[in-house]
Amino acid sequence: MDSITNYYEKMVLDCIRRALAGTKAAHDDDYIADVACVALNRLPARYVRHIVDTRFFESESDYKTNAESVELAVNHALDYIKQRADESPDGTAHAKPGAGSK
């Protein structure tokens, strides 16, 4: 079923690439995947068979609304990942190098 895709996936990835352009993170596939997952989880599930057909029948107003939603979701995801950068997956803080030892 390769013909089924999430409507927002390409839009999210394009938005992330634009936001990270010129940064070291732009080449970190794991970081991009983390940001994409957080952003996609903030958007409604919308699966389509053919993205081209979906865009063809979509009004300009709907497309702009969806693009704005994607941008907000990506900005939130970037902030969320940045805020949690110093935490372990269990929510505890990572020990800072040299902290606690002399």
N, C-alpha and C. Protein backbone atom coordinates (compact mmCIF):
# COMPACT_ATOMS: atom_id res chain seq x y z
N MET A 1 0.83 -1.20 0.00
CA MET A 1 0.00 0.00 0.00
C MET A 1 0.87 1.26 0.00
N ASP A 2 1.78 1.29 -0.92
CA ASP A 2 2.67 2.44 -1.02
C ASP A 2 1.96 3.71 -1.47
N SER A 3 0.73 3.58 -1.93
CA SER A 3 0.03 4.75 -2.43
C SER A 3 -0.67 5.54 -1.33
N ILE A 4 -0.62 5.07 -0.09
CA ILE A 4 -1.26 5.80 1.01
C ILE A 4 -0.19 6.59 1.76
N THR A 5 -0.48 7.87 1.98
CA THR A 5 0.48 8.73 2.67
C THR A 5 -0.26 9.73 3.55
N ASN A 6 0.44 10.26 4.52
CA ASN A 6 -0.12 11.31 5.36
C ASN A 6 0.02 12.63 4.59
N TYR A 7 -1.06 13.31 4.42
CA TYR A 7 -1.11 14.58 3.68
C TYR A 7 -0.03 15.56 4.17
N TYR A 8 0.22 15.57 5.47
CA TYR A 8 1.10 16.58 6.06
C TYR A 8 2.59 16.23 6.04
N GLU A 9 2.96 14.97 5.78
CA GLU A 9 4.36 14.57 5.91
C GLU A 9 5.32 15.42 5.07
N LYS A 10 5.07 15.54 3.79
CA LYS A 10 5.99 16.30 2.93
C LYS A 10 6.00 17.77 3.32
N MET A 11 4.84 18.31 3.66
CA MET A 11 4.79 19.72 4.07
C MET A 11 5.63 19.94 5.33
N VAL A 12 5.54 19.01 6.28
CA VAL A 12 6.30 19.12 7.53
C VAL A 12 7.80 19.02 7.23
N LEU A 13 8.20 18.03 6.46
CA LEU A 13 9.62 17.88 6.15
C LEU A 13 10.17 19.08 5.39
N ASP A 14 9.42 19.61 4.45
CA ASP A 14 9.85 20.82 3.73
C ASP A 14 10.01 22.01 4.68
N CYS A 15 9.07 22.15 5.59
CA CYS A 15 9.10 23.25 6.55
C CYS A 15 10.31 23.11 7.49
N ILE A 16 10.57 21.88 7.94
CA ILE A 16 11.74 21.64 8.80
C ILE A 16 13.02 21.98 8.05
N ARG A 17 13.12 21.54 6.83
CA ARG A 17 14.33 21.83 6.04
C ARG A 17 14.55 23.34 5.86
N ARG A 18 13.46 24.06 5.62
CA ARG A 18 13.58 25.52 5.50
C ARG A 18 14.02 26.13 6.83
N ALA A 19 13.45 25.67 7.92
CA ALA A 19 13.77 26.22 9.24
C ALA A 19 15.21 25.93 9.65
N LEU A 20 15.73 24.78 9.22
CA LEU A 20 17.09 24.38 9.62
C LEU A 20 18.15 24.71 8.58
N ALA A 21 17.76 25.31 7.48
CA ALA A 21 18.71 25.60 6.39
C ALA A 21 19.93 26.34 6.94
N GLY A 22 21.09 25.84 6.56
CA GLY A 22 22.33 26.49 6.96
C GLY A 22 22.80 26.14 8.36
N THR A 23 22.13 25.22 9.03
CA THR A 23 22.54 24.82 10.37
C THR A 23 23.10 23.40 10.35
N LYS A 24 23.83 23.07 11.38
CA LYS A 24 24.37 21.71 11.52
C LYS A 24 23.24 20.69 11.61
N ALA A 25 22.16 21.06 12.27
CA ALA A 25 21.01 20.16 12.46
C ALA A 25 20.36 19.77 11.14
N ALA A 26 20.55 20.57 10.10
CA ALA A 26 19.95 20.27 8.79
C ALA A 26 20.47 18.97 8.21
N HIS A 27 21.58 18.46 8.74
CA HIS A 27 22.19 17.22 8.24
C HIS A 27 22.04 16.06 9.22
N ASP A 28 21.27 16.27 10.28
CA ASP A 28 21.08 15.25 11.31
C ASP A 28 19.72 14.58 11.11
N ASP A 29 19.73 13.44 10.44
CA ASP A 29 18.48 12.75 10.11
C ASP A 29 17.69 12.36 11.35
N ASP A 30 18.37 11.98 12.43
CA ASP A 30 17.67 11.61 13.66
C ASP A 30 16.95 12.82 14.26
N TYR A 31 17.62 13.96 14.27
CA TYR A 31 17.03 15.19 14.79
C TYR A 31 15.81 15.59 13.95
N ILE A 32 15.97 15.55 12.63
CA ILE A 32 14.86 15.90 11.73
C ILE A 32 13.68 14.96 11.96
N ALA A 33 13.95 13.67 12.13
CA ALA A 33 12.87 12.70 12.38
C ALA A 33 12.17 12.99 13.70
N ASP A 34 12.93 13.35 14.74
CA ASP A 34 12.32 13.69 16.03
C ASP A 34 11.41 14.90 15.90
N VAL A 35 11.90 15.93 15.22
CA VAL A 35 11.10 17.15 15.03
C VAL A 35 9.85 16.82 14.22
N ALA A 36 10.01 16.03 13.17
CA ALA A 36 8.87 15.67 12.32
C ALA A 36 7.81 14.91 13.12
N CYS A 37 8.24 13.97 13.96
CA CYS A 37 7.28 13.20 14.75
C CYS A 37 6.49 14.10 15.70
N VAL A 38 7.19 15.00 16.38
CA VAL A 38 6.50 15.91 17.30
C VAL A 38 5.53 16.80 16.53
N ALA A 39 5.97 17.33 15.41
CA ALA A 39 5.10 18.21 14.61
C ALA A 39 3.89 17.44 14.07
N LEU A 40 4.11 16.26 13.52
CA LEU A 40 3.00 15.48 12.95
C LEU A 40 1.99 15.08 14.01
N ASN A 41 2.45 14.86 15.24
CA ASN A 41 1.53 14.51 16.32
C ASN A 41 0.65 15.68 16.73
N ARG A 42 1.01 16.89 16.35
CA ARG A 42 0.19 18.07 16.65
C ARG A 42 -0.81 18.37 15.53
N LEU A 43 -0.70 17.66 14.44
CA LEU A 43 -1.60 17.87 13.29
C LEU A 43 -2.60 16.73 13.21
N PRO A 44 -3.76 17.00 12.62
CA PRO A 44 -4.74 15.92 12.49
C PRO A 44 -4.25 14.85 11.51
N ALA A 45 -4.65 13.63 11.76
CA ALA A 45 -4.31 12.55 10.82
C ALA A 45 -5.12 12.78 9.55
N ARG A 46 -4.44 12.78 8.43
CA ARG A 46 -5.13 12.99 7.16
C ARG A 46 -4.41 12.16 6.10
N TYR A 47 -4.94 11.00 5.84
CA TYR A 47 -4.30 10.09 4.90
C TYR A 47 -4.98 10.19 3.54
N VAL A 48 -4.16 10.18 2.52
CA VAL A 48 -4.65 10.30 1.15
C VAL A 48 -3.93 9.28 0.28
N ARG A 49 -4.55 8.98 -0.85
CA ARG A 49 -3.91 8.06 -1.79
C ARG A 49 -2.98 8.79 -2.75
N HIS A 50 -3.40 9.94 -3.21
CA HIS A 50 -2.61 10.68 -4.19
C HIS A 50 -2.56 12.14 -3.77
N ILE A 51 -1.41 12.57 -3.29
CA ILE A 51 -1.27 13.93 -2.79
C ILE A 51 -1.52 14.96 -3.89
N VAL A 52 -1.14 14.64 -5.12
CA VAL A 52 -1.34 15.56 -6.24
C VAL A 52 -2.83 15.81 -6.46
N ASP A 53 -3.62 14.75 -6.44
CA ASP A 53 -5.07 14.91 -6.60
C ASP A 53 -5.68 15.71 -5.46
N THR A 54 -5.20 15.46 -4.25
CA THR A 54 -5.72 16.17 -3.08
C THR A 54 -5.46 17.66 -3.22
N ARG A 55 -4.25 18.03 -3.60
CA ARG A 55 -3.90 19.44 -3.76
C ARG A 55 -4.68 20.08 -4.90
N PHE A 56 -4.94 19.34 -5.95
CA PHE A 56 -5.67 19.86 -7.10
C PHE A 56 -7.09 20.29 -6.69
N PHE A 57 -7.73 19.50 -5.84
CA PHE A 57 -9.11 19.79 -5.44
C PHE A 57 -9.20 20.65 -4.18
N GLU A 58 -8.08 21.04 -3.64
CA GLU A 58 -8.05 21.85 -2.43
C GLU A 58 -8.08 23.34 -2.80
N SER A 59 -8.85 24.12 -2.08
CA SER A 59 -8.88 25.56 -2.36
C SER A 59 -7.59 26.22 -1.88
N GLU A 60 -7.29 27.37 -2.44
CA GLU A 60 -6.10 28.12 -2.03
C GLU A 60 -6.19 28.48 -0.55
N SER A 61 -7.37 28.82 -0.10
CA SER A 61 -7.59 29.16 1.31
C SER A 61 -7.29 27.96 2.22
N ASP A 62 -7.77 26.78 1.82
CA ASP A 62 -7.50 25.57 2.61
C ASP A 62 -6.02 25.26 2.64
N TYR A 63 -5.35 25.41 1.50
CA TYR A 63 -3.92 25.14 1.44
C TYR A 63 -3.16 26.09 2.36
N LYS A 64 -3.50 27.37 2.33
CA LYS A 64 -2.83 28.35 3.19
C LYS A 64 -3.06 28.03 4.66
N THR A 65 -4.29 27.66 5.01
CA THR A 65 -4.60 27.29 6.39
C THR A 65 -3.77 26.08 6.82
N ASN A 66 -3.68 25.09 5.95
CA ASN A 66 -2.89 23.89 6.28
C ASN A 66 -1.41 24.23 6.40
N ALA A 67 -0.90 25.07 5.52
CA ALA A 67 0.51 25.47 5.56
C ALA A 67 0.81 26.23 6.85
N GLU A 68 -0.10 27.08 7.29
CA GLU A 68 0.08 27.82 8.55
C GLU A 68 0.07 26.86 9.73
N SER A 69 -0.81 25.86 9.70
CA SER A 69 -0.86 24.86 10.77
C SER A 69 0.44 24.08 10.83
N VAL A 70 0.98 23.75 9.68
CA VAL A 70 2.26 23.02 9.62
C VAL A 70 3.37 23.88 10.21
N GLU A 71 3.43 25.13 9.84
CA GLU A 71 4.48 26.01 10.35
C GLU A 71 4.40 26.14 11.87
N LEU A 72 3.20 26.30 12.40
CA LEU A 72 3.03 26.37 13.85
C LEU A 72 3.47 25.07 14.52
N ALA A 73 3.10 23.95 13.94
CA ALA A 73 3.45 22.64 14.50
C ALA A 73 4.97 22.43 14.48
N VAL A 74 5.62 22.82 13.39
CA VAL A 74 7.07 22.66 13.28
C VAL A 74 7.77 23.59 14.27
N ASN A 75 7.33 24.82 14.38
CA ASN A 75 7.95 25.76 15.33
C ASN A 75 7.80 25.23 16.76
N HIS A 76 6.63 24.71 17.09
CA HIS A 76 6.42 24.11 18.41
C HIS A 76 7.39 22.94 18.61
N ALA A 77 7.50 22.08 17.61
CA ALA A 77 8.36 20.90 17.70
C ALA A 77 9.82 21.30 17.90
N LEU A 78 10.28 22.29 17.16
CA LEU A 78 11.66 22.75 17.32
C LEU A 78 11.90 23.27 18.73
N ASP A 79 10.97 24.06 19.25
CA ASP A 79 11.08 24.57 20.62
C ASP A 79 11.05 23.44 21.64
N TYR A 80 10.14 22.49 21.44
CA TYR A 80 9.97 21.37 22.35
C TYR A 80 11.25 20.53 22.42
N ILE A 81 11.82 20.20 21.26
CA ILE A 81 13.05 19.40 21.21
C ILE A 81 14.20 20.18 21.85
N LYS A 82 14.27 21.48 21.58
CA LYS A 82 15.33 22.31 22.16
C LYS A 82 15.23 22.35 23.68
N GLN A 83 14.03 22.51 24.21
CA GLN A 83 13.82 22.57 25.66
C GLN A 83 14.18 21.25 26.34
N ARG A 84 13.98 20.15 25.64
CA ARG A 84 14.20 18.83 26.23
C ARG A 84 15.58 18.27 25.90
N ALA A 85 16.43 19.05 25.29
CA ALA A 85 17.75 18.58 24.86
C ALA A 85 18.61 18.09 26.02
N ASP A 86 18.42 18.63 27.19
CA ASP A 86 19.24 18.25 28.34
C ASP A 86 18.56 17.20 29.23
N GLU A 87 17.53 16.55 28.71
CA GLU A 87 16.82 15.54 29.49
C GLU A 87 17.01 14.15 28.90
N SER A 88 17.02 13.18 29.76
CA SER A 88 17.02 11.78 29.33
C SER A 88 15.61 11.42 28.90
N PRO A 89 15.44 10.30 28.20
CA PRO A 89 14.10 9.89 27.78
C PRO A 89 13.11 9.72 28.95
N ASP A 90 13.62 9.46 30.16
CA ASP A 90 12.73 9.30 31.32
C ASP A 90 12.36 10.63 31.97
N GLY A 91 12.86 11.74 31.41
CA GLY A 91 12.50 13.06 31.92
C GLY A 91 13.48 13.63 32.94
N THR A 92 14.48 12.85 33.33
CA THR A 92 15.46 13.35 34.28
C THR A 92 16.55 14.12 33.53
N ALA A 93 17.18 15.03 34.23
CA ALA A 93 18.22 15.85 33.59
C ALA A 93 19.49 15.03 33.39
N HIS A 94 20.15 15.25 32.26
CA HIS A 94 21.47 14.67 32.02
C HIS A 94 22.46 15.35 32.95
N ALA A 95 23.43 14.61 33.40
CA ALA A 95 24.51 15.23 34.17
C ALA A 95 25.37 16.07 33.23
N LYS A 96 25.63 17.28 33.61
CA LYS A 96 26.48 18.15 32.80
C LYS A 96 27.93 17.71 32.97
N PRO A 97 28.73 17.77 31.93
CA PRO A 97 30.13 17.36 32.04
C PRO A 97 30.85 18.14 33.15
N GLY A 98 31.52 17.42 34.01
CA GLY A 98 32.26 18.04 35.09
C GLY A 98 31.42 18.42 36.29
N ALA A 99 30.13 18.24 36.22
CA ALA A 99 29.25 18.62 37.34
C ALA A 99 29.43 17.62 38.47
N GLY A 100 29.59 18.13 39.65
CA GLY A 100 29.64 17.29 40.84
C GLY A 100 31.00 16.68 41.12
N SER A 101 31.99 16.89 40.30
CA SER A 101 33.31 16.33 40.58
C SER A 101 34.35 17.44 40.53
N LYS A 102 35.31 17.31 41.41
CA LYS A 102 36.40 18.30 41.46
C LYS A 102 37.71 17.61 41.43
